[in-house]
Amino acid sequence: RVDSKTDVTAFDCGPGNMVIDGLAMDLFNESCDWDGRIAAQGTVVAALLSWMCDDQFLRRSPPKSTGREAYGKDYRMQLYEKAKQLNVKNSDIIATATEFTAEA
């Protein structure tokens, strides 16, 4: 039994699906990665995943909150630039973003 509001703490643990959904729209003109079909065609790229996991939000202690201000279009543009440097295929970007979401 919860006796007071202080007994419960809610917070965001990561970006959720917003990165994957944005990537699916930008790269494949899909509103999301339905049933993980795009990610399943790709491979997680360790170097890109490492870059994504080196994230200030993930290092913060709860309670914390995030949204499009941190993981919106600007974030995706940085992600595309890093993926381009690493010569990562579009399906691999989605696969890596999916793994990032799971790890976050």
PDB file of N, CA and C in Angstrom:
ATOM      1  N   ARG A   1       0.846  -1.184   0.000  1.00  0.00           N
ATOM      2  CA  ARG A   1       0.000   0.000   0.000  1.00  0.00           C
ATOM      3  C   ARG A   1       0.883   1.236   0.000  1.00  0.00           C
ATOM      4  N   VAL A   2       0.558   2.182  -0.865  1.00  0.00           N
ATOM      5  CA  VAL A   2       1.273   3.445  -0.945  1.00  0.00           C
ATOM      6  C   VAL A   2       0.590   4.437  -0.024  1.00  0.00           C
ATOM      7  N   ASP A   3       1.376   4.987   0.926  1.00  0.00           N
ATOM      8  CA  ASP A   3       0.804   5.888   1.909  1.00  0.00           C
ATOM      9  C   ASP A   3       0.884   7.361   1.531  1.00  0.00           C
ATOM     10  N   SER A   4       1.791   7.717   0.646  1.00  0.00           N
ATOM     11  CA  SER A   4       1.898   9.123   0.265  1.00  0.00           C
ATOM     12  C   SER A   4       2.481   9.240  -1.128  1.00  0.00           C
ATOM     13  N   LYS A   5       2.385  10.437  -1.686  1.00  0.00           N
ATOM     14  CA  LYS A   5       2.922  10.670  -3.023  1.00  0.00           C
ATOM     15  C   LYS A   5       4.427  10.447  -3.086  1.00  0.00           C
ATOM     16  N   THR A   6       5.125  10.595  -1.977  1.00  0.00           N
ATOM     17  CA  THR A   6       6.576  10.443  -1.986  1.00  0.00           C
ATOM     18  C   THR A   6       7.017   8.987  -2.094  1.00  0.00           C
ATOM     19  N   ASP A   7       6.097   8.049  -1.932  1.00  0.00           N
ATOM     20  CA  ASP A   7       6.441   6.640  -2.043  1.00  0.00           C
ATOM     21  C   ASP A   7       6.568   6.169  -3.492  1.00  0.00           C
ATOM     22  N   VAL A   8       6.141   6.987  -4.439  1.00  0.00           N
ATOM     23  CA  VAL A   8       6.171   6.620  -5.854  1.00  0.00           C
ATOM     24  C   VAL A   8       6.971   7.663  -6.612  1.00  0.00           C
ATOM     25  N   THR A   9       7.891   7.196  -7.437  1.00  0.00           N
ATOM     26  CA  THR A   9       8.659   8.092  -8.281  1.00  0.00           C
ATOM     27  C   THR A   9       8.522   7.618  -9.720  1.00  0.00           C
ATOM     28  N   ALA A  10       8.120   8.516 -10.584  1.00  0.00           N
ATOM     29  CA  ALA A  10       7.988   8.195 -12.004  1.00  0.00           C
ATOM     30  C   ALA A  10       8.964   9.059 -12.792  1.00  0.00           C
ATOM     31  N   PHE A  11       9.538   8.483 -13.834  1.00  0.00           N
ATOM     32  CA  PHE A  11      10.481   9.239 -14.652  1.00  0.00           C
ATOM     33  C   PHE A  11      10.685   8.548 -15.990  1.00  0.00           C
ATOM     34  N   ASP A  12      11.187   9.318 -16.958  1.00  0.00           N
ATOM     35  CA  ASP A  12      11.564   8.753 -18.246  1.00  0.00           C
ATOM     36  C   ASP A  12      12.916   8.064 -18.091  1.00  0.00           C
ATOM     37  N   CYS A  13      13.048   6.888 -18.672  1.00  0.00           N
ATOM     38  CA  CYS A  13      14.339   6.195 -18.626  1.00  0.00           C
ATOM     39  C   CYS A  13      15.120   6.392 -19.922  1.00  0.00           C
ATOM     40  N   GLY A  14      14.470   6.907 -20.939  1.00  0.00           N
ATOM     41  CA  GLY A  14      15.129   7.141 -22.213  1.00  0.00           C
ATOM     42  C   GLY A  14      14.156   7.725 -23.211  1.00  0.00           C
ATOM     43  N   PRO A  15      14.529   7.713 -24.478  1.00  0.00           N
ATOM     44  CA  PRO A  15      13.721   8.378 -25.494  1.00  0.00           C
ATOM     45  C   PRO A  15      12.475   7.620 -25.928  1.00  0.00           C
ATOM     46  N   GLY A  16      12.329   6.371 -25.497  1.00  0.00           N
ATOM     47  CA  GLY A  16      11.193   5.593 -25.972  1.00  0.00           C
ATOM     48  C   GLY A  16      11.272   5.426 -27.484  1.00  0.00           C
ATOM     49  N   ASN A  17      10.126   5.421 -28.129  1.00  0.00           N
ATOM     50  CA  ASN A  17      10.088   5.176 -29.576  1.00  0.00           C
ATOM     51  C   ASN A  17      10.282   6.426 -30.427  1.00  0.00           C
ATOM     52  N   MET A  18      10.414   7.601 -29.807  1.00  0.00           N
ATOM     53  CA  MET A  18      10.430   8.818 -30.625  1.00  0.00           C
ATOM     54  C   MET A  18      11.590   8.858 -31.613  1.00  0.00           C
ATOM     55  N   VAL A  19      12.745   8.325 -31.260  1.00  0.00           N
ATOM     56  CA  VAL A  19      13.869   8.313 -32.195  1.00  0.00           C
ATOM     57  C   VAL A  19      13.570   7.346 -33.342  1.00  0.00           C
ATOM     58  N   ILE A  20      13.115   6.161 -33.022  1.00  0.00           N
ATOM     59  CA  ILE A  20      12.806   5.162 -34.054  1.00  0.00           C
ATOM     60  C   ILE A  20      11.720   5.679 -34.991  1.00  0.00           C
ATOM     61  N   ASP A  21      10.664   6.256 -34.429  1.00  0.00           N
ATOM     62  CA  ASP A  21       9.568   6.759 -35.259  1.00  0.00           C
ATOM     63  C   ASP A  21      10.046   7.880 -36.179  1.00  0.00           C
ATOM     64  N   GLY A  22      10.849   8.792 -35.659  1.00  0.00           N
ATOM     65  CA  GLY A  22      11.377   9.871 -36.488  1.00  0.00           C
ATOM     66  C   GLY A  22      12.266   9.352 -37.600  1.00  0.00           C
ATOM     67  N   LEU A  23      13.106   8.393 -37.274  1.00  0.00           N
ATOM     68  CA  LEU A  23      13.978   7.792 -38.282  1.00  0.00           C
ATOM     69  C   LEU A  23      13.168   7.058 -39.350  1.00  0.00           C
ATOM     70  N   ALA A  24      12.146   6.322 -38.920  1.00  0.00           N
ATOM     71  CA  ALA A  24      11.309   5.592 -39.875  1.00  0.00           C
ATOM     72  C   ALA A  24      10.661   6.560 -40.861  1.00  0.00           C
ATOM     73  N   MET A  25      10.210   7.711 -40.360  1.00  0.00           N
ATOM     74  CA  MET A  25       9.597   8.705 -41.247  1.00  0.00           C
ATOM     75  C   MET A  25      10.644   9.325 -42.167  1.00  0.00           C
ATOM     76  N   ASP A  26      11.760   9.751 -41.586  1.00  0.00           N
ATOM     77  CA  ASP A  26      12.804  10.415 -42.372  1.00  0.00           C
ATOM     78  C   ASP A  26      13.412   9.507 -43.430  1.00  0.00           C
ATOM     79  N   LEU A  27      13.681   8.267 -43.076  1.00  0.00           N
ATOM     80  CA  LEU A  27      14.441   7.379 -43.951  1.00  0.00           C
ATOM     81  C   LEU A  27      13.586   6.475 -44.833  1.00  0.00           C
ATOM     82  N   PHE A  28      12.361   6.154 -44.371  1.00  0.00           N
ATOM     83  CA  PHE A  28      11.539   5.178 -45.084  1.00  0.00           C
ATOM     84  C   PHE A  28      10.113   5.662 -45.358  1.00  0.00           C
ATOM     85  N   ASN A  29       9.817   6.913 -44.982  1.00  0.00           N
ATOM     86  CA  ASN A  29       8.479   7.481 -45.155  1.00  0.00           C
ATOM     87  C   ASN A  29       7.399   6.613 -44.499  1.00  0.00           C
ATOM     88  N   GLU A  30       7.725   6.065 -43.344  1.00  0.00           N
ATOM     89  CA  GLU A  30       6.798   5.264 -42.537  1.00  0.00           C
ATOM     90  C   GLU A  30       6.615   5.964 -41.195  1.00  0.00           C
ATOM     91  N   SER A  31       5.414   5.913 -40.635  1.00  0.00           N
ATOM     92  CA  SER A  31       5.158   6.590 -39.365  1.00  0.00           C
ATOM     93  C   SER A  31       5.862   5.915 -38.189  1.00  0.00           C
ATOM     94  N   CYS A  32       6.210   4.648 -38.361  1.00  0.00           N
ATOM     95  CA  CYS A  32       6.962   3.910 -37.342  1.00  0.00           C
ATOM     96  C   CYS A  32       7.544   2.659 -38.003  1.00  0.00           C
ATOM     97  N   ASP A  33       8.316   1.918 -37.254  1.00  0.00           N
ATOM     98  CA  ASP A  33       8.872   0.661 -37.758  1.00  0.00           C
ATOM     99  C   ASP A  33       7.899  -0.450 -37.369  1.00  0.00           C
ATOM    100  N   TRP A  34       6.885  -0.637 -38.211  1.00  0.00           N
ATOM    101  CA  TRP A  34       5.831  -1.607 -37.921  1.00  0.00           C
ATOM    102  C   TRP A  34       6.415  -2.993 -37.660  1.00  0.00           C
ATOM    103  N   ASP A  35       6.109  -3.514 -36.485  1.00  0.00           N
ATOM    104  CA  ASP A  35       6.540  -4.866 -36.081  1.00  0.00           C
ATOM    105  C   ASP A  35       8.055  -5.058 -36.131  1.00  0.00           C
ATOM    106  N   GLY A  36       8.812  -3.956 -36.139  1.00  0.00           N
ATOM    107  CA  GLY A  36      10.264  -4.051 -36.161  1.00  0.00           C
ATOM    108  C   GLY A  36      10.827  -4.579 -37.466  1.00  0.00           C
ATOM    109  N   ARG A  37      10.034  -4.481 -38.539  1.00  0.00           N
ATOM    110  CA  ARG A  37      10.454  -5.056 -39.823  1.00  0.00           C
ATOM    111  C   ARG A  37      11.720  -4.412 -40.388  1.00  0.00           C
ATOM    112  N   ILE A  38      11.831  -3.085 -40.248  1.00  0.00           N
ATOM    113  CA  ILE A  38      13.018  -2.413 -40.785  1.00  0.00           C
ATOM    114  C   ILE A  38      14.246  -2.793 -39.957  1.00  0.00           C
ATOM    115  N   ALA A  39      14.098  -2.732 -38.643  1.00  0.00           N
ATOM    116  CA  ALA A  39      15.216  -3.079 -37.756  1.00  0.00           C
ATOM    117  C   ALA A  39      15.678  -4.512 -37.986  1.00  0.00           C
ATOM    118  N   ALA A  40      14.731  -5.403 -38.253  1.00  0.00           N
ATOM    119  CA  ALA A  40      15.076  -6.809 -38.473  1.00  0.00           C
ATOM    120  C   ALA A  40      15.913  -7.005 -39.728  1.00  0.00           C
ATOM    121  N   GLN A  41      15.830  -6.075 -40.671  1.00  0.00           N
ATOM    122  CA  GLN A  41      16.623  -6.154 -41.896  1.00  0.00           C
ATOM    123  C   GLN A  41      18.036  -5.609 -41.693  1.00  0.00           C
ATOM    124  N   GLY A  42      18.234  -4.891 -40.575  1.00  0.00           N
ATOM    125  CA  GLY A  42      19.527  -4.272 -40.316  1.00  0.00           C
ATOM    126  C   GLY A  42      20.316  -5.003 -39.253  1.00  0.00           C
ATOM    127  N   THR A  43      21.460  -4.434 -38.962  1.00  0.00           N
ATOM    128  CA  THR A  43      22.370  -4.960 -37.951  1.00  0.00           C
ATOM    129  C   THR A  43      22.757  -3.822 -37.024  1.00  0.00           C
ATOM    130  N   VAL A  44      22.833  -4.096 -35.742  1.00  0.00           N
ATOM    131  CA  VAL A  44      23.284  -3.088 -34.791  1.00  0.00           C
ATOM    132  C   VAL A  44      24.761  -2.784 -35.054  1.00  0.00           C
ATOM    133  N   VAL A  45      25.064  -1.505 -35.168  1.00  0.00           N
ATOM    134  CA  VAL A  45      26.438  -1.057 -35.413  1.00  0.00           C
ATOM    135  C   VAL A  45      27.011  -0.578 -34.080  1.00  0.00           C
ATOM    136  N   ALA A  46      27.973  -1.340 -33.561  1.00  0.00           N
ATOM    137  CA  ALA A  46      28.511  -1.087 -32.214  1.00  0.00           C
ATOM    138  C   ALA A  46      29.041   0.335 -32.045  1.00  0.00           C
ATOM    139  N   ALA A  47      29.744   0.848 -33.022  1.00  0.00           N
ATOM    140  CA  ALA A  47      30.318   2.193 -32.899  1.00  0.00           C
ATOM    141  C   ALA A  47      29.228   3.258 -32.834  1.00  0.00           C
ATOM    142  N   LEU A  48      28.168   3.083 -33.600  1.00  0.00           N
ATOM    143  CA  LEU A  48      27.058   4.037 -33.563  1.00  0.00           C
ATOM    144  C   LEU A  48      26.296   3.906 -32.256  1.00  0.00           C
ATOM    145  N   LEU A  49      26.093   2.681 -31.806  1.00  0.00           N
ATOM    146  CA  LEU A  49      25.410   2.459 -30.530  1.00  0.00           C
ATOM    147  C   LEU A  49      26.200   3.073 -29.377  1.00  0.00           C
ATOM    148  N   SER A  50      27.495   2.922 -29.396  1.00  0.00           N
ATOM    149  CA  SER A  50      28.338   3.511 -28.360  1.00  0.00           C
ATOM    150  C   SER A  50      28.186   5.033 -28.343  1.00  0.00           C
ATOM    151  N   TRP A  51      28.179   5.638 -29.520  1.00  0.00           N
ATOM    152  CA  TRP A  51      27.983   7.089 -29.624  1.00  0.00           C
ATOM    153  C   TRP A  51      26.627   7.486 -29.044  1.00  0.00           C
ATOM    154  N   MET A  52      25.594   6.712 -29.370  1.00  0.00           N
ATOM    155  CA  MET A  52      24.250   7.024 -28.875  1.00  0.00           C
ATOM    156  C   MET A  52      24.167   6.863 -27.358  1.00  0.00           C
ATOM    157  N   CYS A  53      24.826   5.858 -26.823  1.00  0.00           N
ATOM    158  CA  CYS A  53      24.759   5.589 -25.377  1.00  0.00           C
ATOM    159  C   CYS A  53      25.598   6.569 -24.558  1.00  0.00           C
ATOM    160  N   ASP A  54      26.481   7.288 -25.199  1.00  0.00           N
ATOM    161  CA  ASP A  54      27.247   8.323 -24.507  1.00  0.00           C
ATOM    162  C   ASP A  54      26.387   9.580 -24.464  1.00  0.00           C
ATOM    163  N   ASP A  55      25.347   9.511 -23.662  1.00  0.00           N
ATOM    164  CA  ASP A  55      24.257  10.478 -23.677  1.00  0.00           C
ATOM    165  C   ASP A  55      24.065  11.090 -22.292  1.00  0.00           C
ATOM    166  N   GLN A  56      24.039  12.386 -22.256  1.00  0.00           N
ATOM    167  CA  GLN A  56      23.908  13.109 -20.981  1.00  0.00           C
ATOM    168  C   GLN A  56      22.637  12.717 -20.223  1.00  0.00           C
ATOM    169  N   PHE A  57      21.529  12.567 -20.924  1.00  0.00           N
ATOM    170  CA  PHE A  57      20.283  12.214 -20.253  1.00  0.00           C
ATOM    171  C   PHE A  57      20.391  10.871 -19.547  1.00  0.00           C
ATOM    172  N   LEU A  58      21.008   9.912 -20.186  1.00  0.00           N
ATOM    173  CA  LEU A  58      21.112   8.577 -19.599  1.00  0.00           C
ATOM    174  C   LEU A  58      21.954   8.575 -18.327  1.00  0.00           C
ATOM    175  N   ARG A  59      22.877   9.510 -18.206  1.00  0.00           N
ATOM    176  CA  ARG A  59      23.740   9.589 -17.020  1.00  0.00           C
ATOM    177  C   ARG A  59      23.068  10.312 -15.846  1.00  0.00           C
ATOM    178  N   ARG A  60      21.997  11.038 -16.116  1.00  0.00           N
ATOM    179  CA  ARG A  60      21.315  11.771 -15.043  1.00  0.00           C
ATOM    180  C   ARG A  60      20.587  10.805 -14.114  1.00  0.00           C
ATOM    181  N   SER A  61      20.502  11.200 -12.848  1.00  0.00           N
ATOM    182  CA  SER A  61      19.770  10.398 -11.861  1.00  0.00           C
ATOM    183  C   SER A  61      18.289  10.760 -11.895  1.00  0.00           C
ATOM    184  N   PRO A  62      17.426   9.786 -11.642  1.00  0.00           N
ATOM    185  CA  PRO A  62      15.991  10.072 -11.575  1.00  0.00           C
ATOM    186  C   PRO A  62      15.661  10.912 -10.339  1.00  0.00           C
ATOM    187  N   PRO A  63      14.565  11.587 -10.359  1.00  0.00           N
ATOM    188  CA  PRO A  63      13.604  11.659 -11.459  1.00  0.00           C
ATOM    189  C   PRO A  63      14.112  12.560 -12.566  1.00  0.00           C
ATOM    190  N   LYS A  64      13.731  12.216 -13.790  1.00  0.00           N
ATOM    191  CA  LYS A  64      14.149  12.985 -14.954  1.00  0.00           C
ATOM    192  C   LYS A  64      13.095  12.828 -16.037  1.00  0.00           C
ATOM    193  N   SER A  65      13.085  13.759 -16.956  1.00  0.00           N
ATOM    194  CA  SER A  65      12.115  13.724 -18.035  1.00  0.00           C
ATOM    195  C   SER A  65      12.793  14.180 -19.319  1.00  0.00           C
ATOM    196  N   THR A  66      12.333  13.665 -20.427  1.00  0.00           N
ATOM    197  CA  THR A  66      12.886  14.043 -21.725  1.00  0.00           C
ATOM    198  C   THR A  66      11.799  14.019 -22.774  1.00  0.00           C
ATOM    199  N   GLY A  67      12.133  14.500 -23.937  1.00  0.00           N
ATOM    200  CA  GLY A  67      11.163  14.541 -25.025  1.00  0.00           C
ATOM    201  C   GLY A  67      11.820  14.962 -26.318  1.00  0.00           C
ATOM    202  N   ARG A  68      11.027  15.549 -27.199  1.00  0.00           N
ATOM    203  CA  ARG A  68      11.523  15.958 -28.512  1.00  0.00           C
ATOM    204  C   ARG A  68      12.591  17.040 -28.440  1.00  0.00           C
ATOM    205  N   GLU A  69      12.607  17.789 -27.340  1.00  0.00           N
ATOM    206  CA  GLU A  69      13.650  18.814 -27.196  1.00  0.00           C
ATOM    207  C   GLU A  69      15.038  18.171 -27.139  1.00  0.00           C
ATOM    208  N   ALA A  70      15.124  16.948 -26.676  1.00  0.00           N
ATOM    209  CA  ALA A  70      16.404  16.244 -26.598  1.00  0.00           C
ATOM    210  C   ALA A  70      16.572  15.221 -27.721  1.00  0.00           C
ATOM    211  N   TYR A  71      15.478  14.584 -28.156  1.00  0.00           N
ATOM    212  CA  TYR A  71      15.566  13.476 -29.102  1.00  0.00           C
ATOM    213  C   TYR A  71      14.752  13.700 -30.375  1.00  0.00           C
ATOM    214  N   GLY A  72      14.549  14.945 -30.741  1.00  0.00           N
ATOM    215  CA  GLY A  72      13.784  15.283 -31.940  1.00  0.00           C
ATOM    216  C   GLY A  72      14.660  15.401 -33.172  1.00  0.00           C
ATOM    217  N   LYS A  73      14.287  16.320 -34.048  1.00  0.00           N
ATOM    218  CA  LYS A  73      14.953  16.477 -35.339  1.00  0.00           C
ATOM    219  C   LYS A  73      16.438  16.802 -35.197  1.00  0.00           C
ATOM    220  N   ASP A  74      16.801  17.699 -34.281  1.00  0.00           N
ATOM    221  CA  ASP A  74      18.218  18.049 -34.114  1.00  0.00           C
ATOM    222  C   ASP A  74      19.042  16.819 -33.735  1.00  0.00           C
ATOM    223  N   TYR A  75      18.503  15.996 -32.836  1.00  0.00           N
ATOM    224  CA  TYR A  75      19.202  14.767 -32.444  1.00  0.00           C
ATOM    225  C   TYR A  75      19.374  13.847 -33.655  1.00  0.00           C
ATOM    226  N   ARG A  76      18.289  13.700 -34.429  1.00  0.00           N
ATOM    227  CA  ARG A  76      18.374  12.823 -35.597  1.00  0.00           C
ATOM    228  C   ARG A  76      19.386  13.345 -36.611  1.00  0.00           C
ATOM    229  N   MET A  77      19.483  14.644 -36.775  1.00  0.00           N
ATOM    230  CA  MET A  77      20.472  15.211 -37.709  1.00  0.00           C
ATOM    231  C   MET A  77      21.897  14.872 -37.254  1.00  0.00           C
ATOM    232  N   GLN A  78      22.151  14.954 -35.959  1.00  0.00           N
ATOM    233  CA  GLN A  78      23.465  14.565 -35.423  1.00  0.00           C
ATOM    234  C   GLN A  78      23.703  13.065 -35.627  1.00  0.00           C
ATOM    235  N   LEU A  79      22.656  12.289 -35.411  1.00  0.00           N
ATOM    236  CA  LEU A  79      22.742  10.838 -35.603  1.00  0.00           C
ATOM    237  C   LEU A  79      23.050  10.509 -37.070  1.00  0.00           C
ATOM    238  N   TYR A  80      22.369  11.181 -38.000  1.00  0.00           N
ATOM    239  CA  TYR A  80      22.644  10.945 -39.420  1.00  0.00           C
ATOM    240  C   TYR A  80      24.087  11.282 -39.758  1.00  0.00           C
ATOM    241  N   GLU A  81      24.591  12.373 -39.204  1.00  0.00           N
ATOM    242  CA  GLU A  81      25.968  12.779 -39.489  1.00  0.00           C
ATOM    243  C   GLU A  81      26.953  11.718 -38.992  1.00  0.00           C
ATOM    244  N   LYS A  82      26.714  11.217 -37.783  1.00  0.00           N
ATOM    245  CA  LYS A  82      27.590  10.170 -37.239  1.00  0.00           C
ATOM    246  C   LYS A  82      27.480   8.893 -38.069  1.00  0.00           C
ATOM    247  N   ALA A  83      26.255   8.526 -38.436  1.00  0.00           N
ATOM    248  CA  ALA A  83      26.051   7.329 -39.248  1.00  0.00           C
ATOM    249  C   ALA A  83      26.748   7.467 -40.606  1.00  0.00           C
ATOM    250  N   LYS A  84      26.694   8.658 -41.183  1.00  0.00           N
ATOM    251  CA  LYS A  84      27.363   8.904 -42.456  1.00  0.00           C
ATOM    252  C   LYS A  84      28.874   8.733 -42.312  1.00  0.00           C
ATOM    253  N   GLN A  85      29.439   9.260 -41.222  1.00  0.00           N
ATOM    254  CA  GLN A  85      30.876   9.109 -40.974  1.00  0.00           C
ATOM    255  C   GLN A  85      31.268   7.638 -40.884  1.00  0.00           C
ATOM    256  N   LEU A  86      30.366   6.837 -40.330  1.00  0.00           N
ATOM    257  CA  LEU A  86      30.638   5.410 -40.134  1.00  0.00           C
ATOM    258  C   LEU A  86      30.175   4.551 -41.320  1.00  0.00           C
ATOM    259  N   ASN A  87      29.581   5.202 -42.345  1.00  0.00           N
ATOM    260  CA  ASN A  87      29.083   4.495 -43.526  1.00  0.00           C
ATOM    261  C   ASN A  87      28.028   3.442 -43.154  1.00  0.00           C
ATOM    262  N   VAL A  88      27.050   3.867 -42.364  1.00  0.00           N
ATOM    263  CA  VAL A  88      26.009   2.967 -41.858  1.00  0.00           C
ATOM    264  C   VAL A  88      24.785   3.012 -42.776  1.00  0.00           C
ATOM    265  N   LYS A  89      24.262   1.851 -43.141  1.00  0.00           N
ATOM    266  CA  LYS A  89      23.053   1.750 -43.962  1.00  0.00           C
ATOM    267  C   LYS A  89      21.826   2.201 -43.156  1.00  0.00           C
ATOM    268  N   ASN A  90      20.797   2.640 -43.874  1.00  0.00           N
ATOM    269  CA  ASN A  90      19.588   3.132 -43.210  1.00  0.00           C
ATOM    270  C   ASN A  90      18.935   2.083 -42.306  1.00  0.00           C
ATOM    271  N   SER A  91      18.838   0.853 -42.765  1.00  0.00           N
ATOM    272  CA  SER A  91      18.227  -0.187 -41.923  1.00  0.00           C
ATOM    273  C   SER A  91      19.087  -0.454 -40.688  1.00  0.00           C
ATOM    274  N   ASP A  92      20.391  -0.287 -40.805  1.00  0.00           N
ATOM    275  CA  ASP A  92      21.280  -0.453 -39.653  1.00  0.00           C
ATOM    276  C   ASP A  92      21.099   0.692 -38.653  1.00  0.00           C
ATOM    277  N   ILE A  93      20.796   1.887 -39.160  1.00  0.00           N
ATOM    278  CA  ILE A  93      20.512   3.011 -38.256  1.00  0.00           C
ATOM    279  C   ILE A  93      19.278   2.687 -37.421  1.00  0.00           C
ATOM    280  N   ILE A  94      18.235   2.166 -38.055  1.00  0.00           N
ATOM    281  CA  ILE A  94      17.001   1.803 -37.329  1.00  0.00           C
ATOM    282  C   ILE A  94      17.278   0.668 -36.344  1.00  0.00           C
ATOM    283  N   ALA A  95      18.023  -0.332 -36.760  1.00  0.00           N
ATOM    284  CA  ALA A  95      18.354  -1.447 -35.858  1.00  0.00           C
ATOM    285  C   ALA A  95      19.131  -0.939 -34.647  1.00  0.00           C
ATOM    286  N   THR A  96      20.061  -0.045 -34.871  1.00  0.00           N
ATOM    287  CA  THR A  96      20.890   0.493 -33.782  1.00  0.00           C
ATOM    288  C   THR A  96      20.058   1.377 -32.870  1.00  0.00           C
ATOM    289  N   ALA A  97      19.176   2.182 -33.436  1.00  0.00           N
ATOM    290  CA  ALA A  97      18.297   3.027 -32.612  1.00  0.00           C
ATOM    291  C   ALA A  97      17.344   2.170 -31.770  1.00  0.00           C
ATOM    292  N   THR A  98      16.923   1.048 -32.319  1.00  0.00           N
ATOM    293  CA  THR A  98      16.052   0.133 -31.569  1.00  0.00           C
ATOM    294  C   THR A  98      16.810  -0.463 -30.374  1.00  0.00           C
ATOM    295  N   GLU A  99      18.045  -0.859 -30.595  1.00  0.00           N
ATOM    296  CA  GLU A  99      18.873  -1.386 -29.503  1.00  0.00           C
ATOM    297  C   GLU A  99      19.129  -0.291 -28.460  1.00  0.00           C
ATOM    298  N   PHE A 100      19.386   0.926 -28.918  1.00  0.00           N
ATOM    299  CA  PHE A 100      19.585   2.051 -28.004  1.00  0.00           C
ATOM    300  C   PHE A 100      18.359   2.255 -27.125  1.00  0.00           C
ATOM    301  N   THR A 101      17.184   2.206 -27.730  1.00  0.00           N
ATOM    302  CA  THR A 101      15.944   2.374 -26.969  1.00  0.00           C
ATOM    303  C   THR A 101      15.805   1.274 -25.918  1.00  0.00           C
ATOM    304  N   ALA A 102      16.136   0.051 -26.296  1.00  0.00           N
ATOM    305  CA  ALA A 102      16.057  -1.063 -25.344  1.00  0.00           C
ATOM    306  C   ALA A 102      17.075  -0.911 -24.217  1.00  0.00           C
ATOM    307  N   GLU A 103      18.273  -0.467 -24.539  1.00  0.00           N
ATOM    308  CA  GLU A 103      19.316  -0.320 -23.513  1.00  0.00           C
ATOM    309  C   GLU A 103      19.059   0.869 -22.592  1.00  0.00           C
ATOM    310  N   ALA A 104      18.423   1.911 -23.142  1.00  0.00           N
ATOM    311  CA  ALA A 104      18.170   3.111 -22.328  1.00  0.00           C
ATOM    312  C   ALA A 104      17.226   2.762 -21.201  1.00  0.00           C
TER     313      ALA A 104
END
